[in-house]
Amino acid sequence: MDIPASLVKQLRERTNAGLMDCKAALKESDGDLDKAVEYLRIKGLAAAQKKSERATSEGMVTSYVHPGNRIGVLVEISCETDFVARTDEFQNFGRDIAMQIAATAPLAVERADIAADVVEKERELFRTQALEEKKPEKVVEKIVDGRIEKFYTENCLLDQAFIKDDSKSVSDLLNELISKLGENIKIARFSRFQIGQ
């Protein structure tokens, strides 16, 4: 199938992927733009997973102070080389993540970072709520599991919907950046400060 240059250009504008990758994705999806976008996302995720074991000893600490000076964030973003740490894409990602943390106040970067006793306490609270709502005993655990999943998506940074584009999670955004820059990148840690807390 012959892929028109205008379609390749359109896909490139939507995904920021390389020209050859866009052309290959369109060929693979028989010229279907949406399928090509999905193909590139899957390919990007696979590439990101391969890179996830590589050491990240470079990076940056960036900050964000919300207008009014009542909320401030420091976040450490790690990568493999100082070359990548100096790119505009990496710097912008750091600023976006700091803003995300200021806006959403996550408890941790990822699920594994939340203490087991905190999760168990939430689980007990959700179980009590479900029983007080007179839910049948056989569905209580499913309800609790669903509410725990919601707890994670609200409180784990990587699981949260990205504030600038809620069709993506922060994890999706991170994987896109890994795919684009070709290095392992991690949100290492953060601190959020708010007046009165």
N, C-alpha and C. Protein backbone atom coordinates (compact mmCIF):
# COMPACT_ATOMS: atom_id res chain seq x y z
N MET A 1 0.85 -1.19 0.00
CA MET A 1 0.00 0.00 0.00
C MET A 1 0.89 1.25 0.00
N ASP A 2 0.55 2.20 -0.86
CA ASP A 2 1.30 3.44 -0.94
C ASP A 2 0.71 4.44 0.06
N ILE A 3 1.54 4.94 0.97
CA ILE A 3 1.09 5.86 2.02
C ILE A 3 1.38 7.29 1.59
N PRO A 4 0.34 8.15 1.50
CA PRO A 4 0.57 9.54 1.10
C PRO A 4 1.36 10.30 2.18
N ALA A 5 2.21 11.20 1.73
CA ALA A 5 3.04 11.98 2.64
C ALA A 5 2.20 12.82 3.60
N SER A 6 1.04 13.27 3.14
CA SER A 6 0.16 14.09 4.00
C SER A 6 -0.32 13.29 5.21
N LEU A 7 -0.57 11.99 5.01
CA LEU A 7 -1.02 11.13 6.11
C LEU A 7 0.12 10.90 7.11
N VAL A 8 1.33 10.70 6.57
CA VAL A 8 2.51 10.53 7.43
C VAL A 8 2.71 11.79 8.27
N LYS A 9 2.57 12.95 7.62
CA LYS A 9 2.73 14.23 8.31
C LYS A 9 1.69 14.39 9.42
N GLN A 10 0.46 14.01 9.12
CA GLN A 10 -0.63 14.11 10.09
C GLN A 10 -0.36 13.23 11.32
N LEU A 11 0.11 12.00 11.08
CA LEU A 11 0.43 11.08 12.17
C LEU A 11 1.61 11.61 13.00
N ARG A 12 2.59 12.15 12.32
CA ARG A 12 3.75 12.71 13.01
C ARG A 12 3.35 13.87 13.92
N GLU A 13 2.46 14.72 13.44
CA GLU A 13 1.98 15.85 14.24
C GLU A 13 1.21 15.38 15.47
N ARG A 14 0.48 14.29 15.32
CA ARG A 14 -0.31 13.76 16.45
C ARG A 14 0.54 13.05 17.49
N THR A 15 1.63 12.42 17.06
CA THR A 15 2.38 11.55 17.97
C THR A 15 3.81 11.99 18.27
N ASN A 16 4.36 12.89 17.47
CA ASN A 16 5.77 13.29 17.59
C ASN A 16 6.74 12.15 17.31
N ALA A 17 6.27 11.08 16.71
CA ALA A 17 7.15 9.94 16.37
C ALA A 17 7.95 10.29 15.12
N GLY A 18 9.02 9.54 14.89
CA GLY A 18 9.88 9.76 13.73
C GLY A 18 9.15 9.46 12.43
N LEU A 19 9.62 10.05 11.34
CA LEU A 19 8.98 9.86 10.03
C LEU A 19 8.91 8.39 9.62
N MET A 20 10.02 7.68 9.77
CA MET A 20 10.04 6.27 9.36
C MET A 20 9.11 5.42 10.23
N ASP A 21 9.06 5.76 11.53
CA ASP A 21 8.14 5.04 12.43
C ASP A 21 6.69 5.30 12.04
N CYS A 22 6.38 6.54 11.68
CA CYS A 22 5.02 6.89 11.26
C CYS A 22 4.64 6.14 9.99
N LYS A 23 5.55 6.11 9.04
CA LYS A 23 5.29 5.43 7.78
C LYS A 23 5.07 3.93 8.02
N ALA A 24 5.92 3.32 8.85
CA ALA A 24 5.79 1.89 9.16
C ALA A 24 4.47 1.61 9.88
N ALA A 25 4.08 2.49 10.79
CA ALA A 25 2.83 2.31 11.53
C ALA A 25 1.63 2.39 10.59
N LEU A 26 1.67 3.32 9.65
CA LEU A 26 0.57 3.46 8.69
C LEU A 26 0.49 2.26 7.76
N LYS A 27 1.65 1.73 7.36
CA LYS A 27 1.65 0.53 6.53
C LYS A 27 1.07 -0.65 7.30
N GLU A 28 1.49 -0.77 8.55
CA GLU A 28 1.03 -1.87 9.41
C GLU A 28 -0.48 -1.81 9.65
N SER A 29 -1.02 -0.59 9.68
CA SER A 29 -2.46 -0.42 9.97
C SER A 29 -3.28 -0.10 8.71
N ASP A 30 -2.72 -0.39 7.53
CA ASP A 30 -3.42 -0.17 6.25
C ASP A 30 -3.96 1.25 6.09
N GLY A 31 -3.17 2.23 6.55
CA GLY A 31 -3.53 3.63 6.36
C GLY A 31 -4.55 4.18 7.35
N ASP A 32 -4.96 3.38 8.33
CA ASP A 32 -5.91 3.82 9.35
C ASP A 32 -5.16 4.62 10.42
N LEU A 33 -5.46 5.92 10.51
CA LEU A 33 -4.73 6.83 11.39
C LEU A 33 -4.85 6.43 12.86
N ASP A 34 -6.06 6.11 13.32
CA ASP A 34 -6.25 5.75 14.73
C ASP A 34 -5.52 4.46 15.08
N LYS A 35 -5.57 3.48 14.18
CA LYS A 35 -4.85 2.22 14.43
C LYS A 35 -3.34 2.46 14.43
N ALA A 36 -2.88 3.39 13.60
CA ALA A 36 -1.45 3.72 13.55
C ALA A 36 -1.01 4.37 14.86
N VAL A 37 -1.84 5.25 15.41
CA VAL A 37 -1.53 5.88 16.70
C VAL A 37 -1.41 4.81 17.77
N GLU A 38 -2.36 3.87 17.80
CA GLU A 38 -2.33 2.78 18.78
C GLU A 38 -1.09 1.91 18.60
N TYR A 39 -0.75 1.62 17.33
CA TYR A 39 0.44 0.82 17.02
C TYR A 39 1.70 1.50 17.59
N LEU A 40 1.81 2.82 17.40
CA LEU A 40 2.97 3.55 17.90
C LEU A 40 3.00 3.57 19.43
N ARG A 41 1.84 3.68 20.05
CA ARG A 41 1.78 3.66 21.52
C ARG A 41 2.27 2.32 22.05
N ILE A 42 1.80 1.23 21.45
CA ILE A 42 2.20 -0.11 21.89
C ILE A 42 3.70 -0.30 21.69
N LYS A 43 4.20 0.14 20.54
CA LYS A 43 5.63 0.03 20.25
C LYS A 43 6.44 0.85 21.25
N GLY A 44 5.93 2.04 21.58
CA GLY A 44 6.60 2.91 22.55
C GLY A 44 6.62 2.30 23.94
N LEU A 45 5.52 1.67 24.35
CA LEU A 45 5.46 1.02 25.66
C LEU A 45 6.44 -0.13 25.73
N ALA A 46 6.54 -0.91 24.67
CA ALA A 46 7.48 -2.03 24.65
C ALA A 46 8.91 -1.53 24.78
N ALA A 47 9.21 -0.45 24.05
CA ALA A 47 10.55 0.12 24.12
C ALA A 47 10.84 0.67 25.52
N ALA A 48 9.84 1.30 26.13
CA ALA A 48 10.01 1.86 27.47
C ALA A 48 10.26 0.75 28.49
N GLN A 49 9.55 -0.37 28.36
CA GLN A 49 9.74 -1.48 29.28
C GLN A 49 11.14 -2.07 29.17
N LYS A 50 11.68 -2.14 27.95
CA LYS A 50 13.04 -2.66 27.76
C LYS A 50 14.07 -1.76 28.45
N LYS A 51 13.79 -0.45 28.45
CA LYS A 51 14.74 0.51 29.02
C LYS A 51 14.63 0.63 30.54
N SER A 52 13.55 0.12 31.12
CA SER A 52 13.26 0.37 32.54
C SER A 52 14.29 -0.19 33.51
N GLU A 53 15.13 -1.11 33.08
CA GLU A 53 16.14 -1.69 33.97
C GLU A 53 17.47 -0.92 33.93
N ARG A 54 17.60 0.01 33.00
CA ARG A 54 18.87 0.73 32.87
C ARG A 54 19.02 1.77 33.98
N ALA A 55 20.26 2.00 34.42
CA ALA A 55 20.54 2.92 35.53
C ALA A 55 20.23 4.36 35.15
N THR A 56 19.71 5.10 36.11
CA THR A 56 19.39 6.52 35.90
C THR A 56 20.16 7.34 36.94
N SER A 57 21.37 7.74 36.60
CA SER A 57 22.21 8.47 37.56
C SER A 57 22.33 9.96 37.24
N GLU A 58 21.67 10.40 36.20
CA GLU A 58 21.66 11.83 35.85
C GLU A 58 20.22 12.34 36.00
N GLY A 59 20.00 13.60 35.70
CA GLY A 59 18.65 14.14 35.77
C GLY A 59 18.63 15.54 36.30
N MET A 60 17.53 15.86 37.00
CA MET A 60 17.39 17.22 37.53
C MET A 60 16.41 17.23 38.69
N VAL A 61 16.54 18.28 39.49
CA VAL A 61 15.54 18.60 40.49
C VAL A 61 14.90 19.88 40.00
N THR A 62 13.60 19.86 39.92
CA THR A 62 12.89 21.06 39.46
C THR A 62 11.84 21.44 40.49
N SER A 63 11.38 22.68 40.41
CA SER A 63 10.43 23.17 41.39
C SER A 63 9.25 23.85 40.71
N TYR A 64 8.20 23.97 41.47
CA TYR A 64 7.02 24.72 41.03
C TYR A 64 6.42 25.37 42.27
N VAL A 65 6.16 26.65 42.18
CA VAL A 65 5.46 27.36 43.25
C VAL A 65 4.19 27.93 42.64
N HIS A 66 3.07 27.52 43.20
CA HIS A 66 1.77 27.94 42.68
C HIS A 66 1.56 29.43 42.96
N PRO A 67 0.92 30.16 42.01
CA PRO A 67 0.64 31.58 42.25
C PRO A 67 -0.05 31.78 43.61
N GLY A 68 0.42 32.75 44.35
CA GLY A 68 -0.08 32.99 45.69
C GLY A 68 0.88 32.45 46.75
N ASN A 69 1.86 31.68 46.29
CA ASN A 69 2.93 31.17 47.16
C ASN A 69 2.43 30.35 48.35
N ARG A 70 1.35 29.62 48.17
CA ARG A 70 0.82 28.78 49.26
C ARG A 70 1.13 27.30 49.06
N ILE A 71 1.49 26.91 47.83
CA ILE A 71 1.83 25.53 47.52
C ILE A 71 3.14 25.53 46.72
N GLY A 72 4.07 24.66 47.12
CA GLY A 72 5.32 24.52 46.39
C GLY A 72 5.70 23.06 46.27
N VAL A 73 6.42 22.72 45.20
CA VAL A 73 6.81 21.33 44.93
C VAL A 73 8.27 21.28 44.50
N LEU A 74 8.99 20.28 45.00
CA LEU A 74 10.30 19.91 44.49
C LEU A 74 10.17 18.48 43.98
N VAL A 75 10.66 18.21 42.78
CA VAL A 75 10.59 16.86 42.23
C VAL A 75 11.91 16.51 41.56
N GLU A 76 12.35 15.26 41.77
CA GLU A 76 13.57 14.76 41.15
C GLU A 76 13.18 13.83 40.01
N ILE A 77 13.65 14.17 38.80
CA ILE A 77 13.43 13.34 37.62
C ILE A 77 14.80 12.81 37.20
N SER A 78 14.93 11.50 37.08
CA SER A 78 16.21 10.87 36.75
C SER A 78 16.22 10.36 35.31
N CYS A 79 17.40 10.38 34.70
CA CYS A 79 17.59 9.83 33.36
C CYS A 79 18.99 9.24 33.28
N GLU A 80 19.36 8.73 32.12
CA GLU A 80 20.66 8.05 31.97
C GLU A 80 21.82 9.00 31.70
N THR A 81 21.58 10.10 30.96
CA THR A 81 22.68 10.98 30.57
C THR A 81 22.35 12.44 30.82
N ASP A 82 23.38 13.25 31.04
CA ASP A 82 23.16 14.68 31.23
C ASP A 82 22.71 15.34 29.93
N PHE A 83 23.05 14.72 28.80
CA PHE A 83 22.60 15.25 27.50
C PHE A 83 21.06 15.29 27.46
N VAL A 84 20.41 14.19 27.84
CA VAL A 84 18.95 14.14 27.84
C VAL A 84 18.39 15.08 28.90
N ALA A 85 19.05 15.16 30.06
CA ALA A 85 18.57 16.03 31.14
C ALA A 85 18.50 17.49 30.72
N ARG A 86 19.31 17.88 29.74
CA ARG A 86 19.31 19.28 29.29
C ARG A 86 18.33 19.56 28.15
N THR A 87 17.67 18.53 27.62
CA THR A 87 16.76 18.76 26.50
C THR A 87 15.50 19.50 26.96
N ASP A 88 14.90 20.24 26.05
CA ASP A 88 13.66 20.97 26.35
C ASP A 88 12.55 20.01 26.76
N GLU A 89 12.45 18.85 26.07
CA GLU A 89 11.39 17.89 26.37
C GLU A 89 11.49 17.41 27.82
N PHE A 90 12.71 17.11 28.25
CA PHE A 90 12.93 16.63 29.62
C PHE A 90 12.60 17.72 30.63
N GLN A 91 13.07 18.93 30.37
CA GLN A 91 12.82 20.06 31.27
C GLN A 91 11.32 20.35 31.36
N ASN A 92 10.63 20.34 30.22
CA ASN A 92 9.19 20.60 30.22
C ASN A 92 8.43 19.51 30.96
N PHE A 93 8.87 18.26 30.79
CA PHE A 93 8.26 17.15 31.52
C PHE A 93 8.39 17.38 33.02
N GLY A 94 9.58 17.78 33.47
CA GLY A 94 9.79 18.04 34.89
C GLY A 94 8.87 19.11 35.42
N ARG A 95 8.70 20.20 34.66
CA ARG A 95 7.80 21.28 35.09
C ARG A 95 6.35 20.80 35.14
N ASP A 96 5.96 20.01 34.12
CA ASP A 96 4.59 19.48 34.11
C ASP A 96 4.33 18.57 35.30
N ILE A 97 5.30 17.75 35.65
CA ILE A 97 5.13 16.82 36.77
C ILE A 97 5.06 17.60 38.09
N ALA A 98 5.89 18.62 38.24
CA ALA A 98 5.84 19.44 39.46
C ALA A 98 4.47 20.12 39.58
N MET A 99 3.94 20.61 38.46
CA MET A 99 2.61 21.24 38.47
C MET A 99 1.53 20.21 38.80
N GLN A 100 1.67 19.00 38.25
CA GLN A 100 0.72 17.91 38.52
C GLN A 100 0.68 17.62 40.02
N ILE A 101 1.84 17.54 40.64
CA ILE A 101 1.93 17.24 42.08
C ILE A 101 1.30 18.37 42.90
N ALA A 102 1.55 19.62 42.50
CA ALA A 102 0.96 20.75 43.21
C ALA A 102 -0.57 20.69 43.13
N ALA A 103 -1.09 20.34 41.97
CA ALA A 103 -2.54 20.34 41.75
C ALA A 103 -3.25 19.15 42.40
N THR A 104 -2.61 17.98 42.42
CA THR A 104 -3.32 16.76 42.81
C THR A 104 -2.90 16.17 44.15
N ALA A 105 -1.80 16.61 44.73
CA ALA A 105 -1.32 16.14 46.03
C ALA A 105 -1.28 14.62 46.16
N PRO A 106 -0.55 13.93 45.28
CA PRO A 106 -0.46 12.47 45.41
C PRO A 106 0.30 12.09 46.69
N LEU A 107 0.06 10.86 47.16
CA LEU A 107 0.77 10.37 48.34
C LEU A 107 2.13 9.78 47.98
N ALA A 108 2.25 9.24 46.75
CA ALA A 108 3.47 8.54 46.36
C ALA A 108 3.62 8.55 44.85
N VAL A 109 4.82 8.19 44.38
CA VAL A 109 5.07 8.11 42.94
C VAL A 109 4.31 6.93 42.34
N GLU A 110 4.43 5.75 42.97
CA GLU A 110 3.78 4.56 42.45
C GLU A 110 3.15 3.75 43.58
N ARG A 111 2.36 2.75 43.22
CA ARG A 111 1.62 1.95 44.19
C ARG A 111 2.52 1.33 45.25
N ALA A 112 3.65 0.81 44.83
CA ALA A 112 4.56 0.12 45.77
C ALA A 112 5.09 1.06 46.84
N ASP A 113 5.03 2.37 46.61
CA ASP A 113 5.54 3.34 47.57
C ASP A 113 4.55 3.65 48.69
N ILE A 114 3.31 3.24 48.55
CA ILE A 114 2.32 3.48 49.61
C ILE A 114 2.43 2.33 50.61
N ALA A 115 2.58 2.68 51.88
CA ALA A 115 2.76 1.69 52.94
C ALA A 115 1.56 0.73 52.99
N ALA A 116 1.85 -0.54 53.22
CA ALA A 116 0.82 -1.58 53.26
C ALA A 116 -0.24 -1.29 54.31
N ASP A 117 0.17 -0.71 55.46
CA ASP A 117 -0.81 -0.42 56.52
C ASP A 117 -1.79 0.68 56.10
N VAL A 118 -1.33 1.62 55.27
CA VAL A 118 -2.22 2.67 54.76
C VAL A 118 -3.27 2.06 53.84
N VAL A 119 -2.83 1.17 52.96
CA VAL A 119 -3.76 0.51 52.03
C VAL A 119 -4.75 -0.36 52.81
N GLU A 120 -4.26 -1.07 53.81
CA GLU A 120 -5.14 -1.93 54.61
C GLU A 120 -6.17 -1.11 55.38
N LYS A 121 -5.75 0.04 55.89
CA LYS A 121 -6.67 0.93 56.60
C LYS A 121 -7.78 1.42 55.65
N GLU A 122 -7.40 1.78 54.43
CA GLU A 122 -8.39 2.19 53.42
C GLU A 122 -9.32 1.03 53.08
N ARG A 123 -8.74 -0.15 52.93
CA ARG A 123 -9.53 -1.35 52.61
C ARG A 123 -10.59 -1.61 53.69
N GLU A 124 -10.20 -1.48 54.96
CA GLU A 124 -11.15 -1.69 56.07
C GLU A 124 -12.24 -0.62 56.06
N LEU A 125 -11.86 0.62 55.79
CA LEU A 125 -12.83 1.71 55.71
C LEU A 125 -13.84 1.44 54.59
N PHE A 126 -13.35 1.04 53.41
CA PHE A 126 -14.24 0.76 52.28
C PHE A 126 -15.14 -0.44 52.57
N ARG A 127 -14.61 -1.44 53.27
CA ARG A 127 -15.42 -2.62 53.63
C ARG A 127 -16.56 -2.20 54.58
N THR A 128 -16.22 -1.38 55.58
CA THR A 128 -17.23 -0.89 56.53
C THR A 128 -18.30 -0.08 55.81
N GLN A 129 -17.87 0.80 54.90
CA GLN A 129 -18.83 1.61 54.13
C GLN A 129 -19.77 0.72 53.33
N ALA A 130 -19.23 -0.27 52.65
CA ALA A 130 -20.04 -1.16 51.82
C ALA A 130 -21.05 -1.92 52.67
N LEU A 131 -20.64 -2.38 53.85
CA LEU A 131 -21.57 -3.11 54.73
C LEU A 131 -22.65 -2.18 55.27
N GLU A 132 -22.27 -0.94 55.59
CA GLU A 132 -23.27 0.04 56.07
C GLU A 132 -24.25 0.43 54.97
N GLU A 133 -23.82 0.33 53.71
CA GLU A 133 -24.71 0.60 52.58
C GLU A 133 -25.60 -0.60 52.27
N LYS A 134 -25.50 -1.62 53.11
CA LYS A 134 -26.33 -2.85 52.99
C LYS A 134 -26.06 -3.60 51.69
N LYS A 135 -24.82 -3.57 51.25
CA LYS A 135 -24.43 -4.32 50.04
C LYS A 135 -24.38 -5.81 50.39
N PRO A 136 -24.75 -6.68 49.45
CA PRO A 136 -24.69 -8.12 49.72
C PRO A 136 -23.25 -8.55 50.03
N GLU A 137 -23.12 -9.43 51.01
CA GLU A 137 -21.80 -9.90 51.46
C GLU A 137 -20.94 -10.42 50.31
N LYS A 138 -21.58 -11.10 49.34
CA LYS A 138 -20.80 -11.70 48.25
C LYS A 138 -20.19 -10.68 47.29
N VAL A 139 -20.71 -9.44 47.26
CA VAL A 139 -20.14 -8.42 46.36
C VAL A 139 -19.29 -7.38 47.09
N VAL A 140 -19.24 -7.46 48.42
CA VAL A 140 -18.49 -6.48 49.20
C VAL A 140 -17.02 -6.43 48.78
N GLU A 141 -16.38 -7.59 48.60
CA GLU A 141 -14.96 -7.60 48.24
C GLU A 141 -14.71 -6.97 46.87
N LYS A 142 -15.63 -7.20 45.93
CA LYS A 142 -15.49 -6.57 44.60
C LYS A 142 -15.62 -5.06 44.71
N ILE A 143 -16.56 -4.62 45.55
CA ILE A 143 -16.74 -3.18 45.76
C ILE A 143 -15.48 -2.59 46.39
N VAL A 144 -14.95 -3.29 47.40
CA VAL A 144 -13.72 -2.83 48.07
C VAL A 144 -12.57 -2.75 47.08
N ASP A 145 -12.41 -3.79 46.25
CA ASP A 145 -11.34 -3.78 45.24
C ASP A 145 -11.48 -2.61 44.28
N GLY A 146 -12.71 -2.32 43.86
CA GLY A 146 -12.95 -1.19 42.96
C GLY A 146 -12.59 0.14 43.61
N ARG A 147 -12.94 0.27 44.89
CA ARG A 147 -12.64 1.53 45.60
C ARG A 147 -11.14 1.66 45.88
N ILE A 148 -10.47 0.54 46.11
CA ILE A 148 -9.00 0.58 46.30
C ILE A 148 -8.33 1.01 44.99
N GLU A 149 -8.84 0.50 43.87
CA GLU A 149 -8.30 0.90 42.56
C GLU A 149 -8.46 2.40 42.36
N LYS A 150 -9.62 2.94 42.74
CA LYS A 150 -9.86 4.38 42.63
C LYS A 150 -8.91 5.14 43.57
N PHE A 151 -8.69 4.61 44.76
CA PHE A 151 -7.76 5.21 45.71
C PHE A 151 -6.37 5.33 45.08
N TYR A 152 -5.92 4.25 44.42
CA TYR A 152 -4.61 4.29 43.75
C TYR A 152 -4.59 5.32 42.63
N THR A 153 -5.64 5.39 41.81
CA THR A 153 -5.62 6.34 40.69
C THR A 153 -5.67 7.80 41.17
N GLU A 154 -6.15 8.01 42.38
CA GLU A 154 -6.16 9.36 42.92
C GLU A 154 -4.87 9.70 43.66
N ASN A 155 -4.21 8.70 44.25
CA ASN A 155 -3.10 8.97 45.16
C ASN A 155 -1.72 8.54 44.68
N CYS A 156 -1.63 7.80 43.60
CA CYS A 156 -0.33 7.41 43.03
C CYS A 156 -0.08 8.27 41.80
N LEU A 157 0.98 9.01 41.81
CA LEU A 157 1.28 9.96 40.73
C LEU A 157 1.22 9.31 39.36
N LEU A 158 1.86 8.15 39.19
CA LEU A 158 1.90 7.50 37.87
C LEU A 158 0.52 7.04 37.39
N ASP A 159 -0.39 6.78 38.31
CA ASP A 159 -1.74 6.33 37.94
C ASP A 159 -2.71 7.48 37.67
N GLN A 160 -2.35 8.69 38.08
CA GLN A 160 -3.26 9.82 37.93
C GLN A 160 -3.44 10.23 36.47
N ALA A 161 -4.63 10.77 36.18
CA ALA A 161 -4.86 11.38 34.87
C ALA A 161 -4.02 12.65 34.80
N PHE A 162 -3.36 12.87 33.67
CA PHE A 162 -2.52 14.05 33.49
C PHE A 162 -3.40 15.29 33.45
N ILE A 163 -3.06 16.31 34.22
CA ILE A 163 -3.93 17.49 34.34
C ILE A 163 -4.08 18.28 33.04
N LYS A 164 -3.10 18.21 32.15
CA LYS A 164 -3.19 18.96 30.89
C LYS A 164 -3.88 18.17 29.78
N ASP A 165 -4.05 16.85 29.97
CA ASP A 165 -4.71 16.00 28.98
C ASP A 165 -5.19 14.74 29.69
N ASP A 166 -6.44 14.77 30.17
CA ASP A 166 -6.92 13.67 31.01
C ASP A 166 -7.20 12.37 30.23
N SER A 167 -6.91 12.37 28.93
CA SER A 167 -7.01 11.11 28.19
C SER A 167 -5.76 10.24 28.41
N LYS A 168 -4.74 10.82 29.06
CA LYS A 168 -3.49 10.11 29.34
C LYS A 168 -3.26 10.07 30.85
N SER A 169 -2.59 9.02 31.30
CA SER A 169 -2.13 9.00 32.68
C SER A 169 -0.71 9.58 32.71
N VAL A 170 -0.23 9.89 33.90
CA VAL A 170 1.15 10.37 34.03
C VAL A 170 2.10 9.28 33.55
N SER A 171 1.76 8.03 33.80
CA SER A 171 2.57 6.90 33.32
C SER A 171 2.65 6.89 31.79
N ASP A 172 1.52 7.15 31.12
CA ASP A 172 1.51 7.23 29.65
C ASP A 172 2.46 8.33 29.17
N LEU A 173 2.37 9.48 29.83
CA LEU A 173 3.21 10.62 29.48
C LEU A 173 4.69 10.27 29.64
N LEU A 174 5.02 9.60 30.75
CA LEU A 174 6.40 9.18 31.00
C LEU A 174 6.88 8.20 29.93
N ASN A 175 6.05 7.23 29.59
CA ASN A 175 6.44 6.24 28.58
C ASN A 175 6.62 6.86 27.20
N GLU A 176 5.80 7.86 26.88
CA GLU A 176 5.97 8.58 25.61
C GLU A 176 7.32 9.29 25.58
N LEU A 177 7.70 9.90 26.71
CA LEU A 177 8.97 10.61 26.78
C LEU A 177 10.15 9.63 26.67
N ILE A 178 10.05 8.48 27.33
CA ILE A 178 11.09 7.45 27.24
C ILE A 178 11.26 7.01 25.80
N SER A 179 10.12 6.77 25.13
CA SER A 179 10.15 6.34 23.74
C SER A 179 10.78 7.41 22.84
N LYS A 180 10.43 8.66 23.09
CA LYS A 180 10.91 9.75 22.25
C LYS A 180 12.40 10.03 22.47
N LEU A 181 12.86 10.03 23.74
CA LEU A 181 14.25 10.39 24.03
C LEU A 181 15.18 9.19 24.03
N GLY A 182 14.63 7.98 24.07
CA GLY A 182 15.44 6.77 23.96
C GLY A 182 16.24 6.42 25.19
N GLU A 183 15.82 6.91 26.35
CA GLU A 183 16.52 6.60 27.60
C GLU A 183 15.51 6.22 28.67
N ASN A 184 16.00 5.50 29.68
CA ASN A 184 15.18 5.24 30.85
C ASN A 184 15.04 6.54 31.63
N ILE A 185 13.82 6.87 32.01
CA ILE A 185 13.54 8.08 32.78
C ILE A 185 12.63 7.67 33.92
N LYS A 186 12.91 8.22 35.10
CA LYS A 186 12.10 7.89 36.27
C LYS A 186 11.76 9.15 37.05
N ILE A 187 10.57 9.15 37.62
CA ILE A 187 10.23 10.18 38.61
C ILE A 187 10.71 9.57 39.93
N ALA A 188 11.82 10.07 40.44
CA ALA A 188 12.47 9.43 41.59
C ALA A 188 11.75 9.72 42.91
N ARG A 189 11.44 11.00 43.16
CA ARG A 189 10.80 11.36 44.42
C ARG A 189 10.32 12.81 44.33
N PHE A 190 9.50 13.17 45.30
CA PHE A 190 8.99 14.54 45.33
C PHE A 190 8.65 14.94 46.76
N SER A 191 8.58 16.25 46.98
CA SER A 191 8.08 16.81 48.23
C SER A 191 7.11 17.92 47.85
N ARG A 192 5.98 17.92 48.52
CA ARG A 192 4.96 18.94 48.27
C ARG A 192 4.75 19.71 49.58
N PHE A 193 4.79 21.01 49.48
CA PHE A 193 4.62 21.86 50.66
C PHE A 193 3.38 22.72 50.49
N GLN A 194 2.58 22.81 51.55
CA GLN A 194 1.39 23.65 51.50
C GLN A 194 1.25 24.38 52.83
N ILE A 195 1.01 25.67 52.76
CA ILE A 195 0.88 26.47 53.97
C ILE A 195 -0.21 25.87 54.86
N GLY A 196 0.13 25.67 56.12
CA GLY A 196 -0.86 25.17 57.09
C GLY A 196 -0.96 23.67 57.17
N GLN A 197 -0.14 22.93 56.37
CA GLN A 197 -0.21 21.46 56.45
C GLN A 197 1.14 20.89 56.85
